[in-house]
Amino acid sequence: MINILKNLLGLKLNFLYNGIILSGLLIIAGAYYYVTKKISDLEETNIISKTTILRLNSNNEKLFTSISLFKEEQIIFNTKLEALSILEEESDLERKRLYELFTNHNFKNLLSKKPGLMENKINSASSAFSKLLNNTTARIDTNTHSKSSNVKGSPPPNVRTH
């Protein structure tokens, strides 16, 4: 009977050892599967991150290009604005001069005595002002185009880029 108990006890110990070993192997296999799955997920995330970084870098380059074009357009705009303010000052001085001329003289009397003289003066002054205006705008356009043509890849000043 003692031998039977020893055999049964030894058998149970063998099952116990085998169970412990099998449990350990299952734990190791599960840990291996978990780690390889995590590595695979991290590699996939890394690929997605690299793709996103490339896309963002491309967008940054486009933004920097747009900013530089905007700065060039701003310089052109400021140049035109300065030219227009100079033209405004010139026209304001001319307006003041003409105002003083008309307030200090009696042109009604002169017009009745010499109508041809007044007509010629008015026509020549209108022609001179028209030439001044055309020359000034042409000068503004010439300055603007010469500055924008020095910059590679910049659009003409009237073209809006998005």
C-alpha atoms as a PDB file:
ATOM      1  CA  MET A   1       0.000   0.000   0.000  1.00  0.00           C
ATOM      2  CA  ILE A   2       2.826   2.311   0.753  1.00  0.00           C
ATOM      3  CA  ASN A   3       4.212   1.694  -2.709  1.00  0.00           C
ATOM      4  CA  ILE A   4       0.865   2.568  -4.245  1.00  0.00           C
ATOM      5  CA  LEU A   5       0.776   5.829  -2.294  1.00  0.00           C
ATOM      6  CA  LYS A   6       4.339   6.631  -3.356  1.00  0.00           C
ATOM      7  CA  ASN A   7       3.439   5.937  -6.989  1.00  0.00           C
ATOM      8  CA  LEU A   8       0.281   8.054  -6.770  1.00  0.00           C
ATOM      9  CA  LEU A   9       2.146  10.849  -5.017  1.00  0.00           C
ATOM     10  CA  GLY A  10       4.971  10.725  -7.573  1.00  0.00           C
ATOM     11  CA  LEU A  11       2.459  10.766 -10.391  1.00  0.00           C
ATOM     12  CA  LYS A  12       0.726  13.805  -8.929  1.00  0.00           C
ATOM     13  CA  LEU A  13       4.094  15.540  -8.522  1.00  0.00           C
ATOM     14  CA  ASN A  14       4.928  14.797 -12.168  1.00  0.00           C
ATOM     15  CA  PHE A  15       1.607  16.284 -13.249  1.00  0.00           C
ATOM     16  CA  LEU A  16       2.274  19.272 -11.033  1.00  0.00           C
ATOM     17  CA  TYR A  17       5.761  19.786 -12.487  1.00  0.00           C
ATOM     18  CA  ASN A  18       4.458  19.317 -16.012  1.00  0.00           C
ATOM     19  CA  GLY A  19       1.645  21.807 -15.313  1.00  0.00           C
ATOM     20  CA  ILE A  20       4.082  24.375 -13.963  1.00  0.00           C
ATOM     21  CA  ILE A  21       6.363  23.935 -16.960  1.00  0.00           C
ATOM     22  CA  LEU A  22       3.419  24.129 -19.375  1.00  0.00           C
ATOM     23  CA  SER A  23       2.085  27.257 -17.638  1.00  0.00           C
ATOM     24  CA  GLY A  24       5.511  28.862 -17.874  1.00  0.00           C
ATOM     25  CA  LEU A  25       5.729  28.035 -21.574  1.00  0.00           C
ATOM     26  CA  LEU A  26       2.250  29.505 -22.158  1.00  0.00           C
ATOM     27  CA  ILE A  27       3.227  32.679 -20.299  1.00  0.00           C
ATOM     28  CA  ILE A  28       6.425  33.001 -22.348  1.00  0.00           C
ATOM     29  CA  ALA A  29       4.521  32.388 -25.609  1.00  0.00           C
ATOM     30  CA  GLY A  30       1.890  34.983 -24.653  1.00  0.00           C
ATOM     31  CA  ALA A  31       4.566  37.518 -23.738  1.00  0.00           C
ATOM     32  CA  TYR A  32       6.374  36.852 -27.041  1.00  0.00           C
ATOM     33  CA  TYR A  33       3.114  37.355 -28.992  1.00  0.00           C
ATOM     34  CA  TYR A  34       2.349  40.559 -27.029  1.00  0.00           C
ATOM     35  CA  VAL A  35       5.835  42.025 -27.593  1.00  0.00           C
ATOM     36  CA  THR A  36       5.902  41.161 -31.318  1.00  0.00           C
ATOM     37  CA  LYS A  37       2.415  42.699 -31.712  1.00  0.00           C
ATOM     38  CA  LYS A  38       3.566  45.876 -29.928  1.00  0.00           C
ATOM     39  CA  ILE A  39       6.682  46.057 -32.120  1.00  0.00           C
ATOM     40  CA  SER A  40       4.528  45.674 -35.245  1.00  0.00           C
ATOM     41  CA  ASP A  41       2.164  48.408 -34.032  1.00  0.00           C
ATOM     42  CA  LEU A  42       5.080  50.729 -33.270  1.00  0.00           C
ATOM     43  CA  GLU A  43       6.624  50.143 -36.710  1.00  0.00           C
ATOM     44  CA  GLU A  44       3.273  50.950 -38.338  1.00  0.00           C
ATOM     45  CA  THR A  45       2.952  54.104 -36.218  1.00  0.00           C
ATOM     46  CA  ASN A  46       6.520  55.066 -37.154  1.00  0.00           C
ATOM     47  CA  ILE A  47       5.720  54.755 -40.878  1.00  0.00           C
ATOM     48  CA  ILE A  48       2.583  56.878 -40.447  1.00  0.00           C
ATOM     49  CA  SER A  49       4.554  59.477 -38.475  1.00  0.00           C
ATOM     50  CA  LYS A  50       7.273  59.689 -41.134  1.00  0.00           C
ATOM     51  CA  THR A  51       4.631  60.131 -43.865  1.00  0.00           C
ATOM     52  CA  THR A  52       2.943  62.855 -41.827  1.00  0.00           C
ATOM     53  CA  ILE A  53       6.267  64.628 -41.251  1.00  0.00           C
ATOM     54  CA  LEU A  54       7.013  64.597 -44.991  1.00  0.00           C
ATOM     55  CA  ARG A  55       3.552  66.013 -45.746  1.00  0.00           C
ATOM     56  CA  LEU A  56       3.964  68.717 -43.096  1.00  0.00           C
ATOM     57  CA  ASN A  57       7.412  69.654 -44.421  1.00  0.00           C
ATOM     58  CA  SER A  58       5.939  70.012 -47.899  1.00  0.00           C
ATOM     59  CA  ASN A  59       3.155  72.219 -46.524  1.00  0.00           C
ATOM     60  CA  ASN A  60       5.732  74.321 -44.656  1.00  0.00           C
ATOM     61  CA  GLU A  61       7.674  74.898 -47.874  1.00  0.00           C
ATOM     62  CA  LYS A  62       4.472  75.990 -49.611  1.00  0.00           C
ATOM     63  CA  LEU A  63       3.687  78.345 -46.729  1.00  0.00           C
ATOM     64  CA  PHE A  64       7.172  79.868 -46.803  1.00  0.00           C
ATOM     65  CA  THR A  65       6.832  80.397 -50.562  1.00  0.00           C
ATOM     66  CA  SER A  66       3.437  82.028 -50.081  1.00  0.00           C
ATOM     67  CA  ILE A  67       4.816  84.251 -47.327  1.00  0.00           C
ATOM     68  CA  SER A  68       7.733  85.392 -49.487  1.00  0.00           C
ATOM     69  CA  LEU A  69       5.352  86.124 -52.389  1.00  0.00           C
ATOM     70  CA  PHE A  70       3.112  88.057 -50.012  1.00  0.00           C
ATOM     71  CA  LYS A  71       6.097  90.090 -48.779  1.00  0.00           C
ATOM     72  CA  GLU A  72       7.076  90.897 -52.374  1.00  0.00           C
ATOM     73  CA  GLU A  73       3.505  91.967 -53.154  1.00  0.00           C
ATOM     74  CA  GLN A  74       3.507  94.069 -49.997  1.00  0.00           C
ATOM     75  CA  ILE A  75       6.700  95.842 -51.128  1.00  0.00           C
ATOM     76  CA  ILE A  76       5.108  96.535 -54.517  1.00  0.00           C
ATOM     77  CA  PHE A  77       1.948  97.790 -52.823  1.00  0.00           C
ATOM     78  CA  ASN A  78       3.938 100.063 -50.502  1.00  0.00           C
ATOM     79  CA  THR A  79       5.863 101.452 -53.483  1.00  0.00           C
ATOM     80  CA  LYS A  80       2.626 102.237 -55.275  1.00  0.00           C
ATOM     81  CA  LEU A  81       1.176 103.733 -52.121  1.00  0.00           C
ATOM     82  CA  GLU A  82       4.209 106.010 -51.693  1.00  0.00           C
ATOM     83  CA  ALA A  83       3.973 107.108 -55.333  1.00  0.00           C
ATOM     84  CA  LEU A  84       0.275 107.816 -54.919  1.00  0.00           C
ATOM     85  CA  SER A  85       0.879 109.843 -51.771  1.00  0.00           C
ATOM     86  CA  ILE A  86       3.486 111.909 -53.654  1.00  0.00           C
ATOM     87  CA  LEU A  87       0.990 112.386 -56.476  1.00  0.00           C
ATOM     88  CA  GLU A  88      -1.643 113.380 -53.919  1.00  0.00           C
ATOM     89  CA  GLU A  89       0.703 115.977 -52.430  1.00  0.00           C
ATOM     90  CA  GLU A  90       1.510 117.333 -55.898  1.00  0.00           C
ATOM     91  CA  SER A  91      -2.159 117.532 -56.831  1.00  0.00           C
ATOM     92  CA  ASP A  92      -2.983 119.163 -53.489  1.00  0.00           C
ATOM     93  CA  LEU A  93      -0.339 121.839 -54.123  1.00  0.00           C
ATOM     94  CA  GLU A  94      -1.719 122.374 -57.626  1.00  0.00           C
ATOM     95  CA  ARG A  95      -5.248 122.608 -56.248  1.00  0.00           C
ATOM     96  CA  LYS A  96      -4.142 125.224 -53.702  1.00  0.00           C
ATOM     97  CA  ARG A  97      -2.330 127.181 -56.420  1.00  0.00           C
ATOM     98  CA  LEU A  98      -5.373 127.127 -58.671  1.00  0.00           C
ATOM     99  CA  TYR A  99      -7.673 128.034 -55.794  1.00  0.00           C
ATOM    100  CA  GLU A 100      -5.553 131.085 -55.018  1.00  0.00           C
ATOM    101  CA  LEU A 101      -5.441 131.967 -58.697  1.00  0.00           C
ATOM    102  CA  PHE A 102      -9.215 131.805 -59.069  1.00  0.00           C
ATOM    103  CA  THR A 103      -9.964 133.623 -55.815  1.00  0.00           C
ATOM    104  CA  ASN A 104      -7.501 136.470 -56.507  1.00  0.00           C
ATOM    105  CA  HIS A 105      -8.593 137.185 -60.086  1.00  0.00           C
ATOM    106  CA  ASN A 106     -11.868 138.218 -61.634  1.00  0.00           C
ATOM    107  CA  PHE A 107     -12.076 135.738 -64.497  1.00  0.00           C
ATOM    108  CA  LYS A 108     -15.675 136.649 -65.280  1.00  0.00           C
ATOM    109  CA  ASN A 109     -14.554 140.047 -66.492  1.00  0.00           C
ATOM    110  CA  LEU A 110     -11.613 138.558 -68.442  1.00  0.00           C
ATOM    111  CA  LEU A 111     -13.854 135.887 -69.958  1.00  0.00           C
ATOM    112  CA  SER A 112     -16.273 138.457 -71.264  1.00  0.00           C
ATOM    113  CA  LYS A 113     -13.443 140.548 -72.787  1.00  0.00           C
ATOM    114  CA  LYS A 114     -11.224 137.744 -74.170  1.00  0.00           C
ATOM    115  CA  PRO A 115     -13.100 134.400 -74.389  1.00  0.00           C
ATOM    116  CA  GLY A 116     -10.516 132.728 -76.645  1.00  0.00           C
ATOM    117  CA  LEU A 117      -7.699 133.436 -74.214  1.00  0.00           C
ATOM    118  CA  MET A 118      -9.512 131.763 -71.340  1.00  0.00           C
ATOM    119  CA  GLU A 119     -10.512 128.764 -73.437  1.00  0.00           C
ATOM    120  CA  ASN A 120      -6.918 128.196 -74.564  1.00  0.00           C
ATOM    121  CA  LYS A 121      -5.638 128.502 -70.965  1.00  0.00           C
ATOM    122  CA  ILE A 122      -8.214 126.008 -69.689  1.00  0.00           C
ATOM    123  CA  ASN A 123      -7.523 123.539 -72.507  1.00  0.00           C
ATOM    124  CA  SER A 124      -3.749 123.742 -72.072  1.00  0.00           C
ATOM    125  CA  ALA A 125      -4.039 123.312 -68.300  1.00  0.00           C
ATOM    126  CA  SER A 126      -6.305 120.283 -68.765  1.00  0.00           C
ATOM    127  CA  SER A 127      -3.874 118.820 -71.277  1.00  0.00           C
ATOM    128  CA  ALA A 128      -0.915 119.445 -68.936  1.00  0.00           C
ATOM    129  CA  PHE A 129      -2.721 117.825 -66.022  1.00  0.00           C
ATOM    130  CA  SER A 130      -3.688 114.825 -68.175  1.00  0.00           C
ATOM    131  CA  LYS A 131      -0.051 114.395 -69.256  1.00  0.00           C
ATOM    132  CA  LEU A 132       1.128 114.716 -65.640  1.00  0.00           C
ATOM    133  CA  LEU A 133      -1.343 112.068 -64.523  1.00  0.00           C
ATOM    134  CA  ASN A 134      -0.385 109.689 -67.372  1.00  0.00           C
ATOM    135  CA  ASN A 135       3.348 110.169 -66.751  1.00  0.00           C
ATOM    136  CA  THR A 136       2.976 109.578 -63.035  1.00  0.00           C
ATOM    137  CA  THR A 137       0.940 106.394 -63.430  1.00  0.00           C
ATOM    138  CA  ALA A 138       3.330 105.147 -66.118  1.00  0.00           C
ATOM    139  CA  ARG A 139       6.245 105.870 -63.780  1.00  0.00           C
ATOM    140  CA  ILE A 140       4.529 103.961 -60.972  1.00  0.00           C
ATOM    141  CA  ASP A 141       3.861 100.981 -63.261  1.00  0.00           C
ATOM    142  CA  THR A 142       7.430 101.045 -64.605  1.00  0.00           C
ATOM    143  CA  ASN A 143       8.912 101.105 -61.096  1.00  0.00           C
ATOM    144  CA  THR A 144       6.600  98.349 -59.972  1.00  0.00           C
ATOM    145  CA  HIS A 145       7.327  96.090 -62.948  1.00  0.00           C
ATOM    146  CA  SER A 146      11.073  96.628 -62.755  1.00  0.00           C
ATOM    147  CA  LYS A 147      11.107  95.694 -59.051  1.00  0.00           C
ATOM    148  CA  SER A 148       8.895  92.658 -59.517  1.00  0.00           C
ATOM    149  CA  SER A 149      10.842  91.442 -62.562  1.00  0.00           C
ATOM    150  CA  ASN A 150      14.009  91.264 -60.455  1.00  0.00           C
ATOM    151  CA  VAL A 151      12.401  88.675 -58.192  1.00  0.00           C
ATOM    152  CA  LYS A 152      12.352  85.154 -59.600  1.00  0.00           C
ATOM    153  CA  GLY A 153       8.978  83.478 -59.732  1.00  0.00           C
ATOM    154  CA  SER A 154       6.955  86.515 -58.625  1.00  0.00           C
ATOM    155  CA  PRO A 155       3.682  87.083 -60.413  1.00  0.00           C
ATOM    156  CA  PRO A 156       2.773  90.374 -62.099  1.00  0.00           C
ATOM    157  CA  PRO A 157       1.415  92.892 -59.578  1.00  0.00           C
ATOM    158  CA  ASN A 158      -2.197  92.545 -60.722  1.00  0.00           C
ATOM    159  CA  VAL A 159      -2.220  88.748 -60.410  1.00  0.00           C
ATOM    160  CA  ARG A 160      -3.519  87.367 -57.116  1.00  0.00           C
ATOM    161  CA  THR A 161      -1.975  84.085 -55.928  1.00  0.00           C
ATOM    162  CA  HIS A 162      -3.569  81.683 -53.426  1.00  0.00           C
END
